[in-house]
Protein backbone atom coordinates (compact mmCIF):
# COMPACT_ATOMS: atom_id res chain seq x y z
CA MET A 1 -11.47 -27.04 39.62
CA SER A 2 -8.83 -29.69 38.90
CA TYR A 3 -5.11 -28.89 38.72
CA ILE A 4 -5.03 -29.85 35.01
CA GLU A 5 -8.02 -29.85 32.67
CA PHE A 6 -8.25 -30.97 29.06
CA LYS A 7 -11.51 -29.72 27.56
CA ASN A 8 -12.78 -31.23 24.30
CA ILE A 9 -9.30 -31.62 22.80
CA HIS A 10 -9.11 -32.42 19.10
CA LYS A 11 -5.92 -32.79 17.10
CA ARG A 12 -5.72 -33.30 13.36
CA PHE A 13 -2.72 -33.88 11.14
CA GLY A 14 -4.16 -33.27 7.69
CA ASP A 15 -6.93 -35.85 7.23
CA ALA A 16 -5.83 -37.85 10.27
CA HIS A 17 -8.03 -37.16 13.30
CA VAL A 18 -5.64 -38.20 16.09
CA LEU A 19 -7.43 -36.86 19.19
CA LYS A 20 -11.23 -36.92 19.18
CA GLY A 21 -12.73 -34.78 21.92
CA ILE A 22 -10.57 -35.65 24.93
CA ASN A 23 -11.97 -34.50 28.29
CA LEU A 24 -9.65 -35.28 31.17
CA ASN A 25 -8.99 -33.90 34.66
CA ILE A 26 -5.85 -34.45 36.75
CA GLU A 27 -5.44 -33.55 40.41
CA GLN A 28 -2.33 -31.97 41.91
CA GLY A 29 0.27 -34.52 43.07
CA GLU A 30 -1.32 -37.33 41.05
CA PHE A 31 0.66 -39.83 38.96
CA VAL A 32 -1.44 -40.35 35.84
CA THR A 33 -0.66 -42.81 33.07
CA LEU A 34 -1.86 -42.53 29.48
CA LEU A 35 -1.87 -46.14 28.33
CA GLY A 36 -2.57 -47.61 24.92
CA PRO A 37 -1.15 -49.13 21.74
CA SER A 38 1.04 -47.25 19.30
CA GLY A 39 -0.85 -44.61 17.32
CA CYS A 40 -3.72 -44.23 19.80
CA GLY A 41 -2.99 -40.54 20.55
CA LYS A 42 -1.47 -40.70 24.04
CA SER A 43 1.90 -39.11 23.12
CA THR A 44 0.12 -36.51 20.98
CA LEU A 45 -1.93 -35.41 24.00
CA LEU A 46 1.26 -35.15 26.05
CA ARG A 47 2.89 -33.00 23.35
CA CYS A 48 -0.20 -30.78 23.18
CA PHE A 49 0.04 -30.23 26.94
CA SER A 50 3.73 -29.38 26.70
CA GLY A 51 3.18 -26.90 23.86
CA LEU A 52 5.24 -28.90 21.36
CA GLU A 53 2.01 -29.41 19.37
CA THR A 54 -0.92 -27.04 18.99
CA VAL A 55 -4.45 -28.30 19.47
CA SER A 56 -6.91 -28.14 16.58
CA GLU A 57 -9.85 -27.55 18.93
CA GLY A 58 -10.36 -27.34 22.67
CA GLU A 59 -8.65 -25.81 25.68
CA ILE A 60 -6.02 -26.83 28.22
CA TYR A 61 -5.96 -25.42 31.77
CA LEU A 62 -3.22 -25.56 34.39
CA GLU A 63 -4.00 -24.23 37.88
CA GLY A 64 -7.12 -22.61 36.46
CA VAL A 65 -5.17 -20.71 33.77
CA ASN A 66 -5.85 -21.31 30.08
CA ILE A 67 -2.43 -22.32 28.71
CA THR A 68 -3.66 -23.46 25.27
CA ASP A 69 -1.70 -20.75 23.45
CA PHE A 70 1.28 -20.56 25.82
CA THR A 71 4.77 -21.35 24.55
CA PRO A 72 6.52 -24.40 26.07
CA LYS A 73 8.71 -22.07 28.17
CA GLN A 74 5.70 -20.24 29.60
CA ARG A 75 4.12 -23.50 30.80
CA LYS A 76 6.97 -24.36 33.24
CA ILE A 77 6.77 -28.07 32.50
CA GLY A 78 9.54 -30.69 32.76
CA MET A 79 9.88 -33.44 30.17
CA VAL A 80 11.71 -36.77 30.10
CA PHE A 81 11.84 -38.66 26.81
CA GLN A 82 12.82 -42.14 25.69
CA GLN A 83 16.07 -40.65 24.35
CA TYR A 84 18.19 -39.31 27.19
CA SER A 85 19.44 -36.32 25.11
CA LEU A 86 22.30 -35.61 27.52
CA PHE A 87 25.16 -33.37 26.44
CA PRO A 88 28.02 -35.86 25.90
CA ASN A 89 30.74 -33.25 26.55
CA MET A 90 29.25 -32.26 29.93
CA THR A 91 29.52 -34.04 33.27
CA VAL A 92 26.46 -35.13 35.24
CA ARG A 93 26.79 -31.95 37.31
CA GLN A 94 26.91 -29.75 34.20
CA ASN A 95 24.00 -31.55 32.50
CA VAL A 96 21.73 -31.12 35.51
CA ALA A 97 22.82 -27.51 36.10
CA PHE A 98 22.34 -26.42 32.49
CA GLY A 99 18.73 -25.21 32.77
CA LEU A 100 19.42 -23.25 35.95
CA GLN A 101 22.43 -21.60 34.29
CA ILE A 102 20.25 -20.54 31.37
CA GLN A 103 17.97 -18.89 33.94
CA LYS A 104 21.06 -17.12 35.35
CA LYS A 105 20.59 -18.44 38.87
CA GLU A 106 23.25 -17.78 41.50
CA LYS A 107 26.21 -20.18 41.37
CA SER A 108 25.77 -21.20 45.02
CA PHE A 109 22.05 -21.86 44.45
CA ILE A 110 22.80 -24.01 41.39
CA GLU A 111 25.43 -26.03 43.24
CA GLU A 112 23.07 -26.70 46.14
CA LYS A 113 20.11 -27.64 43.92
CA VAL A 114 22.17 -29.97 41.73
CA LYS A 115 23.55 -31.85 44.74
CA GLU A 116 20.08 -32.06 46.29
CA VAL A 117 18.48 -33.49 43.16
CA LEU A 118 21.32 -35.94 42.44
CA ASP A 119 20.95 -37.22 45.98
CA ILE A 120 17.22 -37.77 45.37
CA VAL A 121 17.88 -39.81 42.21
CA GLY A 122 20.79 -41.68 43.82
CA LEU A 123 23.61 -40.37 41.63
CA SER A 124 25.64 -38.22 44.02
CA GLU A 125 28.73 -40.36 43.50
CA LYS A 126 28.50 -39.91 39.69
CA ILE A 127 28.41 -36.11 39.79
CA ASP A 128 31.68 -35.57 37.88
CA GLN A 129 31.33 -38.43 35.39
CA TYR A 130 30.35 -38.08 31.73
CA PRO A 131 27.32 -39.78 30.11
CA ARG A 132 29.57 -42.31 28.34
CA GLN A 133 30.71 -43.54 31.76
CA LEU A 134 27.13 -44.27 32.89
CA SER A 135 24.75 -47.16 32.30
CA GLY A 136 21.50 -46.61 30.44
CA GLY A 137 19.54 -46.54 33.68
CA GLN A 138 21.92 -44.01 35.21
CA GLN A 139 21.67 -41.80 32.13
CA GLN A 140 17.88 -41.88 32.38
CA ARG A 141 18.08 -40.83 36.03
CA VAL A 142 20.31 -37.90 35.00
CA ALA A 143 17.62 -36.90 32.48
CA LEU A 144 15.04 -37.12 35.27
CA ALA A 145 17.23 -35.02 37.59
CA ARG A 146 17.66 -32.41 34.86
CA ALA A 147 13.87 -32.11 34.59
CA ILE A 148 13.00 -31.99 38.30
CA VAL A 149 15.81 -29.57 39.24
CA MET A 150 13.78 -26.88 37.45
CA GLU A 151 10.90 -27.47 39.88
CA PRO A 152 8.32 -27.87 37.09
CA LYS A 153 4.61 -27.54 37.74
CA VAL A 154 4.11 -30.87 35.94
CA LEU A 155 6.53 -33.65 35.00
CA LEU A 156 5.87 -35.31 31.64
CA LEU A 157 7.39 -38.71 30.91
CA ASP A 158 7.06 -40.02 27.34
CA GLU A 159 7.91 -43.75 27.38
CA PRO A 160 11.18 -43.02 29.23
CA LEU A 161 11.93 -46.68 30.05
CA SER A 162 11.16 -48.43 26.76
CA ALA A 163 14.83 -48.63 25.68
CA ILE A 164 16.00 -50.18 28.98
CA ASP A 165 16.31 -53.92 29.71
CA ALA A 166 13.56 -55.63 31.70
CA LEU A 167 15.23 -56.02 35.12
CA LEU A 168 16.58 -52.47 35.24
CA ARG A 169 13.27 -51.19 33.93
CA ARG A 170 11.41 -52.69 36.89
CA ASN A 171 13.85 -51.05 39.30
CA LEU A 172 13.48 -47.67 37.60
CA GLN A 173 9.68 -47.92 37.70
CA ILE A 174 9.87 -48.17 41.48
CA GLU A 175 12.51 -45.43 41.67
CA ILE A 176 10.55 -42.93 39.54
CA ARG A 177 7.42 -43.56 41.57
CA ARG A 178 9.35 -43.06 44.82
CA ILE A 179 10.81 -39.75 43.60
CA GLN A 180 7.43 -38.52 42.38
CA GLN A 181 5.82 -39.29 45.74
CA LYS A 182 8.71 -37.74 47.68
CA LEU A 183 8.49 -34.48 45.73
CA LYS A 184 4.66 -34.60 45.51
CA ILE A 185 4.98 -33.56 41.88
CA THR A 186 2.14 -33.98 39.39
CA ALA A 187 3.24 -36.45 36.70
CA ILE A 188 1.80 -37.60 33.38
CA PHE A 189 3.37 -40.82 32.13
CA VAL A 190 2.93 -42.32 28.66
CA THR A 191 3.44 -46.03 28.04
CA HIS A 192 2.12 -48.96 26.02
CA ASP A 193 3.16 -51.41 28.76
CA GLN A 194 0.21 -52.59 30.88
CA GLU A 195 2.34 -53.92 33.75
CA GLU A 196 4.28 -50.65 33.91
CA ALA A 197 1.03 -48.70 34.17
CA MET A 198 -0.23 -50.99 36.94
CA VAL A 199 2.93 -50.59 39.03
CA MET A 200 3.33 -46.82 38.77
CA SER A 201 -0.06 -45.14 38.53
CA ASP A 202 -2.64 -43.53 40.75
CA THR A 203 -4.96 -43.30 37.74
CA ILE A 204 -4.84 -44.92 34.29
CA HIS A 205 -6.54 -43.52 31.19
CA LEU A 206 -6.73 -46.21 28.51
CA PHE A 207 -6.61 -44.76 24.99
CA ASN A 208 -8.03 -46.31 21.84
CA VAL A 209 -7.98 -44.60 18.41
CA GLY A 210 -7.91 -41.07 19.77
CA GLN A 211 -10.44 -41.51 22.55
CA ILE A 212 -10.39 -42.55 26.20
CA GLU A 213 -11.75 -46.08 26.37
CA GLN A 214 -11.78 -46.34 30.16
CA SER A 215 -10.39 -44.52 33.20
CA GLY A 216 -9.80 -45.65 36.76
CA SER A 217 -7.32 -46.87 39.33
CA PRO A 218 -5.04 -49.77 38.33
CA GLU A 219 -7.22 -52.10 40.38
CA GLU A 220 -10.44 -50.88 38.73
CA ILE A 221 -9.02 -51.09 35.23
CA TYR A 222 -7.69 -54.61 35.77
CA ALA A 223 -10.58 -56.10 37.72
CA CYS A 224 -13.48 -54.41 35.91
CA PRO A 225 -12.78 -53.80 32.20
CA LYS A 226 -15.84 -52.24 30.60
CA THR A 227 -15.22 -53.02 26.93
CA LYS A 228 -13.81 -55.80 24.78
CA PHE A 229 -10.84 -53.60 23.89
CA ALA A 230 -10.07 -52.87 27.56
CA ALA A 231 -10.26 -56.54 28.54
CA ASN A 232 -8.01 -57.54 25.63
CA PHE A 233 -5.43 -54.83 26.30
CA ILE A 234 -5.23 -54.75 30.10
CA GLY A 235 -5.14 -58.43 31.02
CA HIS A 236 -5.01 -61.95 29.67
CA TYR A 237 -8.78 -62.27 29.81
CA ASN A 238 -10.88 -64.94 28.20
CA ILE A 239 -13.15 -62.95 25.87
CA LEU A 240 -16.08 -65.23 25.20
CA ASP A 241 -18.97 -64.85 22.79
CA THR A 242 -22.04 -65.32 24.97
CA ALA A 243 -24.05 -66.93 22.17
CA ALA A 244 -21.40 -69.66 21.89
CA MET A 245 -21.09 -69.88 25.66
CA LYS A 246 -24.84 -70.42 26.12
CA LYS A 247 -24.62 -73.52 23.90
CA VAL A 248 -22.31 -75.06 26.50
CA VAL A 249 -23.60 -73.75 29.81
CA THR A 250 -26.48 -71.72 31.20
CA VAL A 251 -25.33 -68.16 31.85
CA ASP A 252 -27.46 -65.12 32.61
CA THR A 253 -26.17 -62.18 30.59
CA GLY A 254 -27.54 -59.77 28.04
CA SER A 255 -24.19 -58.65 26.65
CA GLU A 256 -22.65 -59.94 23.45
CA PHE A 257 -19.30 -60.72 25.10
CA VAL A 258 -18.11 -61.57 28.59
CA ALA A 259 -14.63 -61.48 30.10
CA ILE A 260 -13.20 -63.99 32.59
CA ARG A 261 -9.73 -63.84 34.13
CA PRO A 262 -7.82 -67.13 33.72
CA GLU A 263 -6.78 -67.07 37.39
CA ALA A 264 -10.44 -66.86 38.47
CA ILE A 265 -11.14 -70.31 37.00
CA ARG A 266 -10.71 -73.42 39.13
CA ILE A 267 -9.82 -76.60 37.27
CA SER A 268 -10.11 -80.15 38.60
CA SER A 269 -10.45 -83.75 37.52
CA ASN A 270 -13.71 -84.16 39.42
CA ASP A 271 -17.06 -82.43 39.09
CA GLY A 272 -17.55 -80.25 42.15
CA GLY A 273 -21.33 -80.51 41.86
CA SER A 274 -23.88 -77.80 41.24
CA GLY A 275 -23.95 -74.49 43.07
CA GLY A 276 -25.83 -71.25 42.67
CA GLN A 277 -22.75 -69.03 42.83
CA ASP A 278 -20.65 -70.85 40.21
CA VAL A 279 -20.80 -71.73 36.53
CA ARG A 280 -19.43 -75.18 35.72
CA MET A 281 -18.24 -76.58 32.40
CA LYS A 282 -16.81 -79.91 31.35
CA GLY A 283 -13.98 -79.98 28.85
CA LYS A 284 -10.73 -81.52 27.63
CA ILE A 285 -7.23 -80.09 28.03
CA THR A 286 -5.75 -79.18 24.65
CA GLY A 287 -2.72 -77.19 25.83
CA ALA A 288 -0.52 -76.68 28.90
CA MET A 289 2.29 -74.15 29.24
CA SER A 290 4.48 -73.61 32.29
CA ARG A 291 5.01 -69.98 33.30
CA GLY A 292 7.21 -70.44 36.33
CA THR A 293 4.86 -70.27 39.30
CA THR A 294 1.76 -71.02 37.21
CA VAL A 295 0.61 -73.42 34.52
CA ALA A 296 -1.59 -72.01 31.76
CA TYR A 297 -4.10 -74.60 30.56
CA THR A 298 -6.20 -74.39 27.42
CA VAL A 299 -9.45 -76.30 27.76
CA ASN A 300 -11.94 -77.09 24.99
CA CYS A 301 -15.47 -77.08 26.39
CA GLY A 302 -17.78 -78.23 23.63
CA GLY A 303 -16.02 -76.08 21.04
CA LEU A 304 -15.54 -73.16 23.43
CA GLU A 305 -11.82 -72.54 24.14
CA VAL A 306 -11.09 -71.37 27.69
CA ASN A 307 -7.75 -70.49 29.31
CA ALA A 308 -7.21 -71.25 33.00
CA ASP A 309 -4.15 -70.40 35.10
CA VAL A 310 -3.34 -72.50 38.17
CA LEU A 311 -0.44 -72.52 40.63
CA PHE A 312 2.34 -74.90 39.64
CA SER A 313 2.42 -78.22 41.49
CA PRO A 314 4.95 -80.87 40.43
CA ASN A 315 2.60 -83.66 41.52
CA GLY A 316 -0.65 -82.20 40.29
CA ARG A 317 0.00 -81.28 36.66
CA MET A 318 -2.71 -82.41 34.25
CA GLY A 319 -2.01 -83.87 30.83
CA ILE A 320 -3.09 -83.12 27.29
CA GLY A 321 -6.34 -84.92 26.47
CA GLU A 322 -7.41 -85.22 30.12
CA GLU A 323 -11.06 -84.53 30.88
CA VAL A 324 -11.53 -81.79 33.46
CA TYR A 325 -14.16 -79.60 35.05
CA LEU A 326 -14.01 -75.81 35.18
CA GLN A 327 -15.60 -73.86 38.02
CA ILE A 328 -16.14 -70.09 37.53
CA PRO A 329 -17.67 -67.80 40.19
CA LYS A 330 -20.54 -65.86 38.67
CA LYS A 331 -19.13 -62.61 40.06
CA ASP A 332 -16.02 -63.12 37.90
CA ILE A 333 -18.00 -63.26 34.65
CA LEU A 334 -17.84 -59.63 33.51
CA GLU A 335 -20.23 -58.23 30.94
CA LEU A 336 -18.62 -56.12 28.19
CA ARG A 337 -20.23 -53.40 26.18
């Protein structure tokens, strides 16, 4: 039996069917990300697990116990939201200690636990400062400390980094992952950011209109999308209609669409010749955009538009209108259902 089990979870708000039969297992100590666009149901599932929403149908288990009808307090779960929700009139020490004080823990125990947790999140030197004296990233780490000091069975994180600037956000992604691994705490993270999910997760569950579209490790989700939606959402794939593709080149596939990563395509001014392991197409460059270390080319191959990413070379950049040849390994042409 898994540490957490969602069994046939449905959630309706009036006529809106938000969760449609979710079945999902999570192992103890795992960092799981619920990924998907706004309105796909990922935050609703998190709120159902926390007890902030009731399920319309189905059951939720934690450590083998049916917690479907438990109150939020009975579930012993920690939550971190996008809004920090810190008490502005309390110091960092007081904010983190608040939950333990409500539980009427011994003063010496509280003092020790607060110092221990603030050391873990790297805020020991800020212990007597107020939220207004902290940066956004520091406030979010206080919110994280306040959740983990309670030693929750599961840590829930609902888009906690979406209001933070890009550079600090990347640092906090690494920091949250480090803390989760150090404490070996089971965590469920909600985000709409694909790169964030890739960096932080053991397992990703990709949501689409109330259902799980695909599940797997970050590597599996990125390298082997199973559907058109997954390929569109996870990476910058070329999604090509095979009927149109077969008018340009011979390709052996029975699926309606295929996906090809731009970085899997080699582009050159010369035809590399035929080969059994590659698909080759001739085309003309219609667009070129520099992205720092790479150049993203758009190539028109007999009416078929293909994007190819190549490493930047100041002496090797190709121009608009130039005729080129694309070489694609057959193993990198992924069939979509």
